[in-house]
Amino acid sequence: MQSGQLYVLGRGLGTTNVLLWDGRNKLISAFDIEVTHDLDTLKTKLFELLPEENIDVHSSQGLLY
C-alpha cells in the first residue's frame, strides 16, 4: 500500500471502527463501518439469471434465506 491509501477487509457481518493515525502517531480520524449483505444486488442478479422464477431473498442473524 502507498501512503494516503486505506484498505478495509470485512471478514464478516457486523459493525467495527476504523482509526487513522498520522506519521507522528496522532489520531486524525475515527469512524464506524458496517458490513452487511447487499440484498438488492443479489435480488437483481437472481432475477437476471432466473427471470421467470418468483424468488424472495431475506437476511436474518447473518444468514440469507
N, C-alpha and C. Protein backbone atom coordinates (compact mmCIF):
# COMPACT_ATOMS: atom_id res chain seq x y z
N MET A 1 0.83 -1.19 0.00
CA MET A 1 0.00 0.00 0.00
C MET A 1 0.87 1.25 0.00
N GLN A 2 0.34 2.28 -0.59
CA GLN A 2 1.04 3.56 -0.62
C GLN A 2 0.48 4.48 0.45
N SER A 3 1.26 5.47 0.82
CA SER A 3 0.80 6.47 1.76
C SER A 3 -0.45 7.15 1.21
N GLY A 4 -1.41 7.42 2.08
CA GLY A 4 -2.64 8.06 1.65
C GLY A 4 -3.72 7.10 1.22
N GLN A 5 -3.47 5.79 1.34
CA GLN A 5 -4.47 4.79 0.97
C GLN A 5 -4.93 4.05 2.21
N LEU A 6 -6.15 3.55 2.13
CA LEU A 6 -6.73 2.77 3.21
C LEU A 6 -7.38 1.54 2.61
N TYR A 7 -7.09 0.39 3.16
CA TYR A 7 -7.66 -0.87 2.70
C TYR A 7 -8.41 -1.48 3.87
N VAL A 8 -9.71 -1.74 3.68
CA VAL A 8 -10.52 -2.35 4.73
C VAL A 8 -11.09 -3.66 4.19
N LEU A 9 -10.90 -4.72 4.92
CA LEU A 9 -11.41 -6.03 4.53
C LEU A 9 -12.44 -6.48 5.56
N GLY A 10 -13.69 -6.62 5.12
CA GLY A 10 -14.75 -7.10 6.01
C GLY A 10 -14.81 -8.61 5.96
N ARG A 11 -14.51 -9.27 7.04
CA ARG A 11 -14.50 -10.73 7.07
C ARG A 11 -15.81 -11.32 7.54
N GLY A 12 -16.69 -10.50 8.01
CA GLY A 12 -17.98 -10.99 8.48
C GLY A 12 -18.94 -9.83 8.67
N LEU A 13 -20.20 -10.16 8.90
CA LEU A 13 -21.21 -9.14 9.11
C LEU A 13 -21.03 -8.49 10.47
N GLY A 14 -21.36 -7.22 10.53
CA GLY A 14 -21.31 -6.51 11.79
C GLY A 14 -20.74 -5.12 11.65
N THR A 15 -20.53 -4.49 12.78
CA THR A 15 -20.01 -3.13 12.83
C THR A 15 -18.64 -3.15 13.48
N THR A 16 -17.75 -2.34 12.94
CA THR A 16 -16.42 -2.18 13.52
C THR A 16 -16.00 -0.73 13.38
N ASN A 17 -14.92 -0.36 13.98
CA ASN A 17 -14.46 1.01 13.83
C ASN A 17 -13.11 1.03 13.13
N VAL A 18 -12.83 2.16 12.50
CA VAL A 18 -11.57 2.38 11.80
C VAL A 18 -10.92 3.59 12.45
N LEU A 19 -9.67 3.45 12.84
CA LEU A 19 -8.90 4.54 13.44
C LEU A 19 -7.71 4.86 12.54
N LEU A 20 -7.48 6.13 12.28
CA LEU A 20 -6.39 6.55 11.40
C LEU A 20 -5.42 7.44 12.17
N TRP A 21 -4.13 7.12 12.05
CA TRP A 21 -3.08 7.90 12.69
C TRP A 21 -2.18 8.53 11.63
N ASP A 22 -1.61 9.66 11.97
CA ASP A 22 -0.65 10.28 11.04
C ASP A 22 0.75 9.75 11.33
N GLY A 23 1.74 10.29 10.65
CA GLY A 23 3.13 9.83 10.79
C GLY A 23 3.73 10.08 12.16
N ARG A 24 3.10 10.93 12.97
CA ARG A 24 3.59 11.22 14.33
C ARG A 24 2.77 10.50 15.40
N ASN A 25 2.03 9.47 14.97
CA ASN A 25 1.17 8.68 15.85
C ASN A 25 0.06 9.50 16.50
N LYS A 26 -0.41 10.52 15.81
CA LYS A 26 -1.53 11.32 16.29
C LYS A 26 -2.80 10.81 15.61
N LEU A 27 -3.84 10.51 16.40
CA LEU A 27 -5.11 10.06 15.85
C LEU A 27 -5.73 11.20 15.06
N ILE A 28 -5.99 10.95 13.78
CA ILE A 28 -6.54 12.02 12.94
C ILE A 28 -7.99 11.79 12.53
N SER A 29 -8.46 10.55 12.66
CA SER A 29 -9.86 10.28 12.30
C SER A 29 -10.29 8.95 12.90
N ALA A 30 -11.57 8.85 13.22
CA ALA A 30 -12.15 7.61 13.71
C ALA A 30 -13.59 7.55 13.21
N PHE A 31 -13.98 6.40 12.67
CA PHE A 31 -15.35 6.27 12.21
C PHE A 31 -15.77 4.81 12.25
N ASP A 32 -17.07 4.57 12.28
CA ASP A 32 -17.63 3.22 12.29
C ASP A 32 -18.01 2.82 10.88
N ILE A 33 -17.84 1.54 10.58
CA ILE A 33 -18.31 0.99 9.31
C ILE A 33 -19.16 -0.23 9.61
N GLU A 34 -20.11 -0.51 8.73
CA GLU A 34 -20.99 -1.66 8.90
C GLU A 34 -20.90 -2.54 7.66
N VAL A 35 -20.65 -3.82 7.88
CA VAL A 35 -20.60 -4.80 6.80
C VAL A 35 -21.93 -5.54 6.80
N THR A 36 -22.66 -5.48 5.67
CA THR A 36 -23.97 -6.11 5.57
C THR A 36 -24.08 -6.89 4.26
N HIS A 37 -25.15 -7.66 4.15
CA HIS A 37 -25.46 -8.32 2.88
C HIS A 37 -25.99 -7.26 1.92
N ASP A 38 -25.64 -7.38 0.66
CA ASP A 38 -26.15 -6.50 -0.38
C ASP A 38 -27.34 -7.20 -1.04
N LEU A 39 -28.49 -7.14 -0.39
CA LEU A 39 -29.66 -7.88 -0.85
C LEU A 39 -30.18 -7.38 -2.19
N ASP A 40 -30.14 -6.08 -2.43
CA ASP A 40 -30.65 -5.54 -3.69
C ASP A 40 -29.87 -6.07 -4.88
N THR A 41 -28.54 -6.09 -4.78
CA THR A 41 -27.73 -6.61 -5.88
C THR A 41 -27.96 -8.10 -6.07
N LEU A 42 -28.06 -8.85 -4.98
CA LEU A 42 -28.33 -10.28 -5.07
C LEU A 42 -29.66 -10.54 -5.75
N LYS A 43 -30.71 -9.81 -5.36
CA LYS A 43 -32.02 -9.97 -5.97
C LYS A 43 -31.97 -9.67 -7.47
N THR A 44 -31.27 -8.61 -7.83
CA THR A 44 -31.14 -8.23 -9.24
C THR A 44 -30.45 -9.33 -10.04
N LYS A 45 -29.36 -9.87 -9.52
CA LYS A 45 -28.63 -10.93 -10.22
C LYS A 45 -29.48 -12.20 -10.36
N LEU A 46 -30.20 -12.57 -9.30
CA LEU A 46 -31.05 -13.75 -9.37
C LEU A 46 -32.16 -13.57 -10.40
N PHE A 47 -32.75 -12.37 -10.46
CA PHE A 47 -33.79 -12.10 -11.45
C PHE A 47 -33.23 -12.16 -12.86
N GLU A 48 -31.99 -11.67 -13.05
CA GLU A 48 -31.35 -11.74 -14.37
C GLU A 48 -31.12 -13.19 -14.80
N LEU A 49 -30.71 -14.03 -13.85
CA LEU A 49 -30.43 -15.43 -14.16
C LEU A 49 -31.70 -16.27 -14.30
N LEU A 50 -32.71 -15.94 -13.50
CA LEU A 50 -33.95 -16.74 -13.46
C LEU A 50 -35.16 -15.82 -13.54
N PRO A 51 -35.38 -15.17 -14.69
CA PRO A 51 -36.42 -14.14 -14.78
C PRO A 51 -37.85 -14.67 -14.59
N GLU A 52 -38.08 -15.93 -14.81
CA GLU A 52 -39.44 -16.49 -14.69
C GLU A 52 -39.75 -16.99 -13.28
N GLU A 53 -38.75 -17.01 -12.40
CA GLU A 53 -38.93 -17.53 -11.05
C GLU A 53 -39.34 -16.42 -10.08
N ASN A 54 -40.18 -16.77 -9.13
CA ASN A 54 -40.58 -15.84 -8.07
C ASN A 54 -39.70 -16.11 -6.85
N ILE A 55 -38.62 -15.35 -6.71
CA ILE A 55 -37.63 -15.59 -5.67
C ILE A 55 -37.61 -14.42 -4.69
N ASP A 56 -37.73 -14.73 -3.41
CA ASP A 56 -37.59 -13.73 -2.36
C ASP A 56 -36.28 -13.97 -1.64
N VAL A 57 -35.59 -12.91 -1.27
CA VAL A 57 -34.33 -13.02 -0.54
C VAL A 57 -34.44 -12.19 0.73
N HIS A 58 -34.08 -12.81 1.86
CA HIS A 58 -34.15 -12.14 3.15
C HIS A 58 -32.86 -12.45 3.93
N SER A 59 -32.52 -11.56 4.85
CA SER A 59 -31.36 -11.75 5.71
C SER A 59 -31.83 -11.70 7.16
N SER A 60 -31.34 -12.64 7.97
CA SER A 60 -31.67 -12.66 9.38
C SER A 60 -30.52 -13.31 10.14
N GLN A 61 -30.04 -12.64 11.16
CA GLN A 61 -28.98 -13.16 12.03
C GLN A 61 -27.76 -13.65 11.24
N GLY A 62 -27.38 -12.89 10.22
CA GLY A 62 -26.19 -13.20 9.45
C GLY A 62 -26.36 -14.23 8.36
N LEU A 63 -27.60 -14.72 8.15
CA LEU A 63 -27.85 -15.74 7.14
C LEU A 63 -28.77 -15.19 6.06
N LEU A 64 -28.65 -15.76 4.86
CA LEU A 64 -29.54 -15.43 3.76
C LEU A 64 -30.60 -16.49 3.61
N TYR A 65 -31.85 -16.08 3.38
CA TYR A 65 -32.96 -17.01 3.18
C TYR A 65 -33.65 -16.72 1.88
